[in-house]
Amino acid sequence: MGLTELLVLASGLGLGYWLVSAFLAGPAPEEADTGPAVAASDSDEEPWHRVLGVAEDASREQVVAAWRRQIRQCHPDKVAALDAETRRVAELRARRLNAAYTRAPKRRA
């Protein structure tokens, strides 16, 4: 194998590596916008039952059903093809729903 063939091989490998890494990396990540919706403190949060849309004395089954119904709408797989702002809003909504779900009492009835 001659010097020319080695140079062509090395440059081909370098170019191939660069192309593959560029395609796998995808678009540049957008700068995170942490507006007032993200910075809300625990004291400003809406009560868990209002976030989930159930009565305060709802059974565990009702809480789970309400959470599943609402989280389905903002699941990352559902909003993946939408614009960045809609994905960000869906992520915030999902965080809010998950936080409300974890604060809900674990009662039966």
PDB file of N, CA and C in Angstrom:
ATOM      1  N   MET A   1       0.859  -1.165   0.000  1.00  0.00           N
ATOM      2  CA  MET A   1       0.000   0.000   0.000  1.00  0.00           C
ATOM      3  C   MET A   1       0.908   1.232   0.000  1.00  0.00           C
ATOM      4  N   GLY A   2       0.660   2.116  -0.931  1.00  0.00           N
ATOM      5  CA  GLY A   2       1.507   3.283  -1.084  1.00  0.00           C
ATOM      6  C   GLY A   2       1.076   4.432  -0.167  1.00  0.00           C
ATOM      7  N   LEU A   3       1.872   5.466  -0.167  1.00  0.00           N
ATOM      8  CA  LEU A   3       1.616   6.644   0.660  1.00  0.00           C
ATOM      9  C   LEU A   3       0.321   7.336   0.249  1.00  0.00           C
ATOM     10  N   THR A   4       0.063   7.407  -1.030  1.00  0.00           N
ATOM     11  CA  THR A   4      -1.164   8.048  -1.518  1.00  0.00           C
ATOM     12  C   THR A   4      -2.397   7.294  -1.039  1.00  0.00           C
ATOM     13  N   GLU A   5      -2.333   5.972  -1.096  1.00  0.00           N
ATOM     14  CA  GLU A   5      -3.472   5.171  -0.631  1.00  0.00           C
ATOM     15  C   GLU A   5      -3.696   5.344   0.857  1.00  0.00           C
ATOM     16  N   LEU A   6      -2.632   5.416   1.641  1.00  0.00           N
ATOM     17  CA  LEU A   6      -2.754   5.630   3.086  1.00  0.00           C
ATOM     18  C   LEU A   6      -3.365   7.001   3.394  1.00  0.00           C
ATOM     19  N   LEU A   7      -2.950   8.023   2.664  1.00  0.00           N
ATOM     20  CA  LEU A   7      -3.507   9.357   2.861  1.00  0.00           C
ATOM     21  C   LEU A   7      -4.991   9.401   2.510  1.00  0.00           C
ATOM     22  N   VAL A   8      -5.364   8.747   1.417  1.00  0.00           N
ATOM     23  CA  VAL A   8      -6.770   8.700   1.024  1.00  0.00           C
ATOM     24  C   VAL A   8      -7.578   7.942   2.066  1.00  0.00           C
ATOM     25  N   LEU A   9      -7.048   6.828   2.542  1.00  0.00           N
ATOM     26  CA  LEU A   9      -7.723   6.037   3.565  1.00  0.00           C
ATOM     27  C   LEU A   9      -7.900   6.840   4.859  1.00  0.00           C
ATOM     28  N   ALA A  10      -6.844   7.511   5.306  1.00  0.00           N
ATOM     29  CA  ALA A  10      -6.910   8.293   6.540  1.00  0.00           C
ATOM     30  C   ALA A  10      -7.891   9.461   6.408  1.00  0.00           C
ATOM     31  N   SER A  11      -7.850  10.150   5.263  1.00  0.00           N
ATOM     32  CA  SER A  11      -8.775  11.275   5.096  1.00  0.00           C
ATOM     33  C   SER A  11     -10.218  10.782   4.978  1.00  0.00           C
ATOM     34  N   GLY A  12     -10.423   9.637   4.345  1.00  0.00           N
ATOM     35  CA  GLY A  12     -11.769   9.061   4.256  1.00  0.00           C
ATOM     36  C   GLY A  12     -12.310   8.685   5.629  1.00  0.00           C
ATOM     37  N   LEU A  13     -11.453   8.086   6.448  1.00  0.00           N
ATOM     38  CA  LEU A  13     -11.874   7.746   7.811  1.00  0.00           C
ATOM     39  C   LEU A  13     -12.194   8.997   8.628  1.00  0.00           C
ATOM     40  N   GLY A  14     -11.350  10.007   8.488  1.00  0.00           N
ATOM     41  CA  GLY A  14     -11.597  11.259   9.220  1.00  0.00           C
ATOM     42  C   GLY A  14     -12.887  11.926   8.790  1.00  0.00           C
ATOM     43  N   LEU A  15     -13.111  11.991   7.485  1.00  0.00           N
ATOM     44  CA  LEU A  15     -14.337  12.592   6.963  1.00  0.00           C
ATOM     45  C   LEU A  15     -15.565  11.776   7.379  1.00  0.00           C
ATOM     46  N   GLY A  16     -15.447  10.465   7.309  1.00  0.00           N
ATOM     47  CA  GLY A  16     -16.558   9.599   7.719  1.00  0.00           C
ATOM     48  C   GLY A  16     -16.888   9.767   9.190  1.00  0.00           C
ATOM     49  N   TYR A  17     -15.859   9.829  10.018  1.00  0.00           N
ATOM     50  CA  TYR A  17     -16.068  10.033  11.453  1.00  0.00           C
ATOM     51  C   TYR A  17     -16.758  11.371  11.713  1.00  0.00           C
ATOM     52  N   TRP A  18     -16.300  12.392  11.035  1.00  0.00           N
ATOM     53  CA  TRP A  18     -16.894  13.718  11.219  1.00  0.00           C
ATOM     54  C   TRP A  18     -18.364  13.720  10.804  1.00  0.00           C
ATOM     55  N   LEU A  19     -18.689  13.105   9.658  1.00  0.00           N
ATOM     56  CA  LEU A  19     -20.078  13.065   9.191  1.00  0.00           C
ATOM     57  C   LEU A  19     -20.973  12.286  10.142  1.00  0.00           C
ATOM     58  N   VAL A  20     -20.515  11.139  10.582  1.00  0.00           N
ATOM     59  CA  VAL A  20     -21.325  10.323  11.486  1.00  0.00           C
ATOM     60  C   VAL A  20     -21.543  11.053  12.806  1.00  0.00           C
ATOM     61  N   SER A  21     -20.507  11.654  13.356  1.00  0.00           N
ATOM     62  CA  SER A  21     -20.673  12.361  14.628  1.00  0.00           C
ATOM     63  C   SER A  21     -21.581  13.581  14.468  1.00  0.00           C
ATOM     64  N   ALA A  22     -21.555  14.234  13.316  1.00  0.00           N
ATOM     65  CA  ALA A  22     -22.428  15.385  13.090  1.00  0.00           C
ATOM     66  C   ALA A  22     -23.885  14.946  13.003  1.00  0.00           C
ATOM     67  N   PHE A  23     -24.152  13.824  12.352  1.00  0.00           N
ATOM     68  CA  PHE A  23     -25.531  13.344  12.232  1.00  0.00           C
ATOM     69  C   PHE A  23     -26.052  12.786  13.541  1.00  0.00           C
ATOM     70  N   LEU A  24     -25.212  12.125  14.305  1.00  0.00           N
ATOM     71  CA  LEU A  24     -25.659  11.559  15.577  1.00  0.00           C
ATOM     72  C   LEU A  24     -25.883  12.628  16.634  1.00  0.00           C
ATOM     73  N   ALA A  25     -25.137  13.706  16.557  1.00  0.00           N
ATOM     74  CA  ALA A  25     -25.276  14.767  17.540  1.00  0.00           C
ATOM     75  C   ALA A  25     -26.594  15.503  17.377  1.00  0.00           C
ATOM     76  N   GLY A  26     -27.131  15.576  16.190  1.00  0.00           N
ATOM     77  CA  GLY A  26     -28.389  16.273  15.945  1.00  0.00           C
ATOM     78  C   GLY A  26     -28.202  17.769  15.997  1.00  0.00           C
ATOM     79  N   PRO A  27     -29.309  18.509  16.043  1.00  0.00           N
ATOM     80  CA  PRO A  27     -29.198  19.967  16.084  1.00  0.00           C
ATOM     81  C   PRO A  27     -28.622  20.430  17.423  1.00  0.00           C
ATOM     82  N   ALA A  28     -28.070  21.609  17.406  1.00  0.00           N
ATOM     83  CA  ALA A  28     -27.497  22.171  18.621  1.00  0.00           C
ATOM     84  C   ALA A  28     -28.592  22.359  19.663  1.00  0.00           C
ATOM     85  N   PRO A  29     -28.316  22.044  20.930  1.00  0.00           N
ATOM     86  CA  PRO A  29     -29.338  22.212  21.961  1.00  0.00           C
ATOM     87  C   PRO A  29     -29.697  23.677  22.134  1.00  0.00           C
ATOM     88  N   GLU A  30     -30.985  23.905  22.327  1.00  0.00           N
ATOM     89  CA  GLU A  30     -31.441  25.273  22.515  1.00  0.00           C
ATOM     90  C   GLU A  30     -31.154  25.722  23.942  1.00  0.00           C
ATOM     91  N   GLU A  31     -30.977  26.989  24.095  1.00  0.00           N
ATOM     92  CA  GLU A  31     -30.712  27.532  25.408  1.00  0.00           C
ATOM     93  C   GLU A  31     -31.966  27.416  26.261  1.00  0.00           C
ATOM     94  N   ALA A  32     -31.811  26.889  27.451  1.00  0.00           N
ATOM     95  CA  ALA A  32     -32.964  26.683  28.336  1.00  0.00           C
ATOM     96  C   ALA A  32     -33.509  28.022  28.796  1.00  0.00           C
ATOM     97  N   ASP A  33     -34.812  28.174  28.684  1.00  0.00           N
ATOM     98  CA  ASP A  33     -35.476  29.382  29.141  1.00  0.00           C
ATOM     99  C   ASP A  33     -36.163  29.070  30.459  1.00  0.00           C
ATOM    100  N   THR A  34     -35.568  29.533  31.542  1.00  0.00           N
ATOM    101  CA  THR A  34     -36.161  29.286  32.846  1.00  0.00           C
ATOM    102  C   THR A  34     -36.907  30.539  33.258  1.00  0.00           C
ATOM    103  N   GLY A  35     -38.115  30.624  32.799  1.00  0.00           N
ATOM    104  CA  GLY A  35     -38.967  31.768  33.103  1.00  0.00           C
ATOM    105  C   GLY A  35     -39.659  31.608  34.436  1.00  0.00           C
ATOM    106  N   PRO A  36     -40.633  32.449  34.704  1.00  0.00           N
ATOM    107  CA  PRO A  36     -41.315  32.404  35.982  1.00  0.00           C
ATOM    108  C   PRO A  36     -42.080  31.103  36.216  1.00  0.00           C
ATOM    109  N   ALA A  37     -42.480  30.401  35.139  1.00  0.00           N
ATOM    110  CA  ALA A  37     -43.227  29.158  35.323  1.00  0.00           C
ATOM    111  C   ALA A  37     -42.349  28.094  35.978  1.00  0.00           C
ATOM    112  N   VAL A  38     -41.059  28.089  35.686  1.00  0.00           N
ATOM    113  CA  VAL A  38     -40.152  27.108  36.257  1.00  0.00           C
ATOM    114  C   VAL A  38     -39.750  27.509  37.670  1.00  0.00           C
ATOM    115  N   ALA A  39     -39.665  28.794  37.930  1.00  0.00           N
ATOM    116  CA  ALA A  39     -39.170  29.282  39.199  1.00  0.00           C
ATOM    117  C   ALA A  39     -40.229  29.344  40.295  1.00  0.00           C
ATOM    118  N   ALA A  40     -41.419  28.824  40.052  1.00  0.00           N
ATOM    119  CA  ALA A  40     -42.477  28.871  41.057  1.00  0.00           C
ATOM    120  C   ALA A  40     -42.077  28.040  42.262  1.00  0.00           C
ATOM    121  N   SER A  41     -42.299  28.565  43.446  1.00  0.00           N
ATOM    122  CA  SER A  41     -41.938  27.849  44.662  1.00  0.00           C
ATOM    123  C   SER A  41     -43.076  26.952  45.107  1.00  0.00           C
ATOM    124  N   ASP A  42     -42.812  26.116  46.107  1.00  0.00           N
ATOM    125  CA  ASP A  42     -43.826  25.195  46.608  1.00  0.00           C
ATOM    126  C   ASP A  42     -45.028  25.925  47.196  1.00  0.00           C
ATOM    127  N   SER A  43     -44.813  27.101  47.758  1.00  0.00           N
ATOM    128  CA  SER A  43     -45.918  27.832  48.365  1.00  0.00           C
ATOM    129  C   SER A  43     -46.881  28.386  47.318  1.00  0.00           C
ATOM    130  N   ASP A  44     -46.403  28.572  46.081  1.00  0.00           N
ATOM    131  CA  ASP A  44     -47.249  29.093  45.013  1.00  0.00           C
ATOM    132  C   ASP A  44     -48.004  28.004  44.273  1.00  0.00           C
ATOM    133  N   GLU A  45     -47.719  26.744  44.581  1.00  0.00           N
ATOM    134  CA  GLU A  45     -48.320  25.648  43.843  1.00  0.00           C
ATOM    135  C   GLU A  45     -49.805  25.525  44.137  1.00  0.00           C
ATOM    136  N   GLU A  46     -50.507  25.123  43.112  1.00  0.00           N
ATOM    137  CA  GLU A  46     -51.928  24.873  43.227  1.00  0.00           C
ATOM    138  C   GLU A  46     -52.118  23.560  43.992  1.00  0.00           C
ATOM    139  N   PRO A  47     -53.195  23.413  44.751  1.00  0.00           N
ATOM    140  CA  PRO A  47     -53.425  22.156  45.470  1.00  0.00           C
ATOM    141  C   PRO A  47     -53.466  20.968  44.506  1.00  0.00           C
ATOM    142  N   TRP A  48     -52.993  19.825  44.965  1.00  0.00           N
ATOM    143  CA  TRP A  48     -52.861  18.642  44.115  1.00  0.00           C
ATOM    144  C   TRP A  48     -54.175  18.250  43.462  1.00  0.00           C
ATOM    145  N   HIS A  49     -55.283  18.379  44.176  1.00  0.00           N
ATOM    146  CA  HIS A  49     -56.564  17.928  43.632  1.00  0.00           C
ATOM    147  C   HIS A  49     -57.060  18.846  42.519  1.00  0.00           C
ATOM    148  N   ARG A  50     -56.690  20.121  42.549  1.00  0.00           N
ATOM    149  CA  ARG A  50     -57.061  21.030  41.460  1.00  0.00           C
ATOM    150  C   ARG A  50     -56.223  20.760  40.219  1.00  0.00           C
ATOM    151  N   VAL A  51     -54.945  20.460  40.414  1.00  0.00           N
ATOM    152  CA  VAL A  51     -54.072  20.164  39.285  1.00  0.00           C
ATOM    153  C   VAL A  51     -54.570  18.913  38.561  1.00  0.00           C
ATOM    154  N   LEU A  52     -54.954  17.896  39.336  1.00  0.00           N
ATOM    155  CA  LEU A  52     -55.418  16.648  38.741  1.00  0.00           C
ATOM    156  C   LEU A  52     -56.883  16.688  38.335  1.00  0.00           C
ATOM    157  N   GLY A  53     -57.629  17.669  38.811  1.00  0.00           N
ATOM    158  CA  GLY A  53     -59.034  17.799  38.437  1.00  0.00           C
ATOM    159  C   GLY A  53     -59.946  16.807  39.134  1.00  0.00           C
ATOM    160  N   VAL A  54     -59.641  16.501  40.391  1.00  0.00           N
ATOM    161  CA  VAL A  54     -60.478  15.588  41.175  1.00  0.00           C
ATOM    162  C   VAL A  54     -60.879  16.266  42.481  1.00  0.00           C
ATOM    163  N   ALA A  55     -61.837  15.657  43.167  1.00  0.00           N
ATOM    164  CA  ALA A  55     -62.248  16.176  44.473  1.00  0.00           C
ATOM    165  C   ALA A  55     -61.139  15.908  45.491  1.00  0.00           C
ATOM    166  N   GLU A  56     -61.106  16.704  46.538  1.00  0.00           N
ATOM    167  CA  GLU A  56     -60.071  16.548  47.558  1.00  0.00           C
ATOM    168  C   GLU A  56     -60.171  15.194  48.261  1.00  0.00           C
ATOM    169  N   ASP A  57     -61.365  14.654  48.354  1.00  0.00           N
ATOM    170  CA  ASP A  57     -61.550  13.356  49.009  1.00  0.00           C
ATOM    171  C   ASP A  57     -61.664  12.205  47.995  1.00  0.00           C
ATOM    172  N   ALA A  58     -61.094  12.362  46.829  1.00  0.00           N
ATOM    173  CA  ALA A  58     -61.155  11.345  45.776  1.00  0.00           C
ATOM    174  C   ALA A  58     -60.416  10.083  46.207  1.00  0.00           C
ATOM    175  N   SER A  59     -60.896   8.948  45.725  1.00  0.00           N
ATOM    176  CA  SER A  59     -60.234   7.680  46.032  1.00  0.00           C
ATOM    177  C   SER A  59     -58.928   7.579  45.252  1.00  0.00           C
ATOM    178  N   ARG A  60     -58.101   6.656  45.656  1.00  0.00           N
ATOM    179  CA  ARG A  60     -56.812   6.464  44.981  1.00  0.00           C
ATOM    180  C   ARG A  60     -57.021   6.092  43.512  1.00  0.00           C
ATOM    181  N   GLU A  61     -58.030   5.287  43.239  1.00  0.00           N
ATOM    182  CA  GLU A  61     -58.318   4.886  41.867  1.00  0.00           C
ATOM    183  C   GLU A  61     -58.706   6.093  41.009  1.00  0.00           C
ATOM    184  N   GLN A  62     -59.475   7.018  41.569  1.00  0.00           N
ATOM    185  CA  GLN A  62     -59.870   8.220  40.841  1.00  0.00           C
ATOM    186  C   GLN A  62     -58.656   9.109  40.576  1.00  0.00           C
ATOM    187  N   VAL A  63     -57.766   9.207  41.559  1.00  0.00           N
ATOM    188  CA  VAL A  63     -56.552  10.013  41.404  1.00  0.00           C
ATOM    189  C   VAL A  63     -55.672   9.428  40.306  1.00  0.00           C
ATOM    190  N   VAL A  64     -55.482   8.113  40.329  1.00  0.00           N
ATOM    191  CA  VAL A  64     -54.643   7.454  39.325  1.00  0.00           C
ATOM    192  C   VAL A  64     -55.249   7.626  37.933  1.00  0.00           C
ATOM    193  N   ALA A  65     -56.568   7.454  37.822  1.00  0.00           N
ATOM    194  CA  ALA A  65     -57.231   7.592  36.519  1.00  0.00           C
ATOM    195  C   ALA A  65     -57.099   9.017  35.981  1.00  0.00           C
ATOM    196  N   ALA A  66     -57.270  10.017  36.851  1.00  0.00           N
ATOM    197  CA  ALA A  66     -57.149  11.412  36.421  1.00  0.00           C
ATOM    198  C   ALA A  66     -55.719  11.720  35.997  1.00  0.00           C
ATOM    199  N   TRP A  67     -54.744  11.224  36.763  1.00  0.00           N
ATOM    200  CA  TRP A  67     -53.342  11.459  36.427  1.00  0.00           C
ATOM    201  C   TRP A  67     -53.012  10.832  35.080  1.00  0.00           C
ATOM    202  N   ARG A  68     -53.411   9.577  34.862  1.00  0.00           N
ATOM    203  CA  ARG A  68     -53.118   8.892  33.593  1.00  0.00           C
ATOM    204  C   ARG A  68     -53.768   9.605  32.411  1.00  0.00           C
ATOM    205  N   ARG A  69     -55.000  10.055  32.588  1.00  0.00           N
ATOM    206  CA  ARG A  69     -55.717  10.733  31.496  1.00  0.00           C
ATOM    207  C   ARG A  69     -54.993  12.017  31.092  1.00  0.00           C
ATOM    208  N   GLN A  70     -54.520  12.764  32.081  1.00  0.00           N
ATOM    209  CA  GLN A  70     -53.882  14.047  31.773  1.00  0.00           C
ATOM    210  C   GLN A  70     -52.424  13.904  31.342  1.00  0.00           C
ATOM    211  N   ILE A  71     -51.700  12.954  31.935  1.00  0.00           N
ATOM    212  CA  ILE A  71     -50.283  12.804  31.586  1.00  0.00           C
ATOM    213  C   ILE A  71     -50.139  12.276  30.168  1.00  0.00           C
ATOM    214  N   ARG A  72     -51.131  11.551  29.694  1.00  0.00           N
ATOM    215  CA  ARG A  72     -51.113  11.038  28.320  1.00  0.00           C
ATOM    216  C   ARG A  72     -51.040  12.179  27.298  1.00  0.00           C
ATOM    217  N   GLN A  73     -51.665  13.311  27.610  1.00  0.00           N
ATOM    218  CA  GLN A  73     -51.712  14.434  26.677  1.00  0.00           C
ATOM    219  C   GLN A  73     -50.366  15.135  26.523  1.00  0.00           C
ATOM    220  N   CYS A  74     -49.549  15.111  27.561  1.00  0.00           N
ATOM    221  CA  CYS A  74     -48.275  15.838  27.491  1.00  0.00           C
ATOM    222  C   CYS A  74     -47.075  14.909  27.545  1.00  0.00           C
ATOM    223  N   HIS A  75     -47.276  13.644  27.227  1.00  0.00           N
ATOM    224  CA  HIS A  75     -46.174  12.678  27.216  1.00  0.00           C
ATOM    225  C   HIS A  75     -45.164  13.070  26.128  1.00  0.00           C
ATOM    226  N   PRO A  76     -43.878  12.901  26.399  1.00  0.00           N
ATOM    227  CA  PRO A  76     -42.855  13.282  25.408  1.00  0.00           C
ATOM    228  C   PRO A  76     -43.034  12.632  24.041  1.00  0.00           C
ATOM    229  N   ASP A  77     -43.524  11.409  23.994  1.00  0.00           N
ATOM    230  CA  ASP A  77     -43.746  10.757  22.700  1.00  0.00           C
ATOM    231  C   ASP A  77     -44.849  11.441  21.903  1.00  0.00           C
ATOM    232  N   LYS A  78     -45.827  12.013  22.580  1.00  0.00           N
ATOM    233  CA  LYS A  78     -46.945  12.686  21.903  1.00  0.00           C
ATOM    234  C   LYS A  78     -46.535  14.036  21.331  1.00  0.00           C
ATOM    235  N   VAL A  79     -45.625  14.741  22.024  1.00  0.00           N
ATOM    236  CA  VAL A  79     -45.270  16.099  21.618  1.00  0.00           C
ATOM    237  C   VAL A  79     -43.908  16.185  20.933  1.00  0.00           C
ATOM    238  N   ALA A  80     -43.293  15.054  20.641  1.00  0.00           N
ATOM    239  CA  ALA A  80     -41.940  15.044  20.062  1.00  0.00           C
ATOM    240  C   ALA A  80     -41.875  15.754  18.714  1.00  0.00           C
ATOM    241  N   ALA A  81     -42.931  15.671  17.918  1.00  0.00           N
ATOM    242  CA  ALA A  81     -42.912  16.265  16.580  1.00  0.00           C
ATOM    243  C   ALA A  81     -43.326  17.736  16.580  1.00  0.00           C
ATOM    244  N   LEU A  82     -43.701  18.266  17.726  1.00  0.00           N
ATOM    245  CA  LEU A  82     -44.158  19.658  17.798  1.00  0.00           C
ATOM    246  C   LEU A  82     -42.977  20.600  18.011  1.00  0.00           C
ATOM    247  N   ASP A  83     -43.255  21.893  18.001  1.00  0.00           N
ATOM    248  CA  ASP A  83     -42.187  22.885  18.137  1.00  0.00           C
ATOM    249  C   ASP A  83     -41.616  22.896  19.558  1.00  0.00           C
ATOM    250  N   ALA A  84     -40.481  23.545  19.723  1.00  0.00           N
ATOM    251  CA  ALA A  84     -39.753  23.552  20.991  1.00  0.00           C
ATOM    252  C   ALA A  84     -40.564  24.173  22.119  1.00  0.00           C
ATOM    253  N   GLU A  85     -41.282  25.240  21.840  1.00  0.00           N
ATOM    254  CA  GLU A  85     -42.071  25.904  22.882  1.00  0.00           C
ATOM    255  C   GLU A  85     -43.178  24.981  23.390  1.00  0.00           C
ATOM    256  N   THR A  86     -43.839  24.275  22.503  1.00  0.00           N
ATOM    257  CA  THR A  86     -44.903  23.355  22.908  1.00  0.00           C
ATOM    258  C   THR A  86     -44.326  22.203  23.716  1.00  0.00           C
ATOM    259  N   ARG A  87     -43.151  21.705  23.320  1.00  0.00           N
ATOM    260  CA  ARG A  87     -42.512  20.632  24.094  1.00  0.00           C
ATOM    261  C   ARG A  87     -42.140  21.119  25.482  1.00  0.00           C
ATOM    262  N   ARG A  88     -41.682  22.366  25.589  1.00  0.00           N
ATOM    263  CA  ARG A  88     -41.307  22.916  26.897  1.00  0.00           C
ATOM    264  C   ARG A  88     -42.527  23.052  27.794  1.00  0.00           C
ATOM    265  N   VAL A  89     -43.629  23.535  27.225  1.00  0.00           N
ATOM    266  CA  VAL A  89     -44.860  23.684  28.002  1.00  0.00           C
ATOM    267  C   VAL A  89     -45.374  22.307  28.438  1.00  0.00           C
ATOM    268  N   ALA A  90     -45.296  21.325  27.543  1.00  0.00           N
ATOM    269  CA  ALA A  90     -45.737  19.972  27.887  1.00  0.00           C
ATOM    270  C   ALA A  90     -44.867  19.379  28.994  1.00  0.00           C
ATOM    271  N   GLU A  91     -43.575  19.649  28.955  1.00  0.00           N
ATOM    272  CA  GLU A  91     -42.688  19.153  30.003  1.00  0.00           C
ATOM    273  C   GLU A  91     -43.023  19.790  31.350  1.00  0.00           C
ATOM    274  N   LEU A  92     -43.290  21.087  31.356  1.00  0.00           N
ATOM    275  CA  LEU A  92     -43.670  21.760  32.597  1.00  0.00           C
ATOM    276  C   LEU A  92     -44.985  21.216  33.138  1.00  0.00           C
ATOM    277  N   ARG A  93     -45.929  20.976  32.239  1.00  0.00           N
ATOM    278  CA  ARG A  93     -47.227  20.417  32.653  1.00  0.00           C
ATOM    279  C   ARG A  93     -47.043  19.012  33.229  1.00  0.00           C
ATOM    280  N   ALA A  94     -46.211  18.206  32.600  1.00  0.00           N
ATOM    281  CA  ALA A  94     -45.960  16.855  33.098  1.00  0.00           C
ATOM    282  C   ALA A  94     -45.306  16.897  34.474  1.00  0.00           C
ATOM    283  N   ARG A  95     -44.376  17.812  34.672  1.00  0.00           N
ATOM    284  CA  ARG A  95     -43.746  17.955  35.994  1.00  0.00           C
ATOM    285  C   ARG A  95     -44.776  18.343  37.045  1.00  0.00           C
ATOM    286  N   ARG A  96     -45.656  19.262  36.685  1.00  0.00           N
ATOM    287  CA  ARG A  96     -46.709  19.711  37.599  1.00  0.00           C
ATOM    288  C   ARG A  96     -47.649  18.559  37.961  1.00  0.00           C
ATOM    289  N   LEU A  97     -48.045  17.786  36.941  1.00  0.00           N
ATOM    290  CA  LEU A  97     -48.926  16.644  37.181  1.00  0.00           C
ATOM    291  C   LEU A  97     -48.247  15.595  38.055  1.00  0.00           C
ATOM    292  N   ASN A  98     -46.986  15.308  37.782  1.00  0.00           N
ATOM    293  CA  ASN A  98     -46.265  14.316  38.577  1.00  0.00           C
ATOM    294  C   ASN A  98     -46.082  14.783  40.018  1.00  0.00           C
ATOM    295  N   ALA A  99     -45.819  16.067  40.206  1.00  0.00           N
ATOM    296  CA  ALA A  99     -45.683  16.593  41.565  1.00  0.00           C
ATOM    297  C   ALA A  99     -47.007  16.497  42.316  1.00  0.00           C
ATOM    298  N   ALA A 100     -48.097  16.818  41.640  1.00  0.00           N
ATOM    299  CA  ALA A 100     -49.415  16.717  42.277  1.00  0.00           C
ATOM    300  C   ALA A 100     -49.740  15.273  42.597  1.00  0.00           C
ATOM    301  N   TYR A 101     -49.382  14.369  41.725  1.00  0.00           N
ATOM    302  CA  TYR A 101     -49.651  12.950  41.942  1.00  0.00           C
ATOM    303  C   TYR A 101     -48.894  12.434  43.161  1.00  0.00           C
ATOM    304  N   THR A 102     -47.665  12.872  43.324  1.00  0.00           N
ATOM    305  CA  THR A 102     -46.876  12.424  44.487  1.00  0.00           C
ATOM    306  C   THR A 102     -47.370  13.045  45.781  1.00  0.00           C
ATOM    307  N   ARG A 103     -47.976  14.241  45.709  1.00  0.00           N
ATOM    308  CA  ARG A 103     -48.512  14.879  46.925  1.00  0.00           C
ATOM    309  C   ARG A 103     -49.880  14.331  47.314  1.00  0.00           C
ATOM    310  N   ALA A 104     -50.543  13.638  46.399  1.00  0.00           N
ATOM    311  CA  ALA A 104     -51.888  13.111  46.687  1.00  0.00           C
ATOM    312  C   ALA A 104     -51.792  12.053  47.774  1.00  0.00           C
ATOM    313  N   PRO A 105     -52.752  12.057  48.710  1.00  0.00           N
ATOM    314  CA  PRO A 105     -52.728  11.043  49.762  1.00  0.00           C
ATOM    315  C   PRO A 105     -52.948   9.644  49.183  1.00  0.00           C
ATOM    316  N   LYS A 106     -52.397   8.656  49.824  1.00  0.00           N
ATOM    317  CA  LYS A 106     -52.465   7.263  49.354  1.00  0.00           C
ATOM    318  C   LYS A 106     -53.618   6.517  50.025  1.00  0.00           C
ATOM    319  N   ARG A 107     -54.806   7.073  49.962  1.00  0.00           N
ATOM    320  CA  ARG A 107     -55.950   6.453  50.643  1.00  0.00           C
ATOM    321  C   ARG A 107     -56.707   5.522  49.708  1.00  0.00           C
ATOM    322  N   ARG A 108     -57.451   4.639  50.286  1.00  0.00           N
ATOM    323  CA  ARG A 108     -58.314   3.713  49.533  1.00  0.00           C
ATOM    324  C   ARG A 108     -59.762   4.078  49.784  1.00  0.00           C
ATOM    325  N   ALA A 109     -60.615   3.696  48.869  1.00  0.00           N
ATOM    326  CA  ALA A 109     -62.067   3.853  49.031  1.00  0.00           C
ATOM    327  C   ALA A 109     -62.740   3.766  47.698  1.00  0.00           C
TER     328      ALA A 109
END
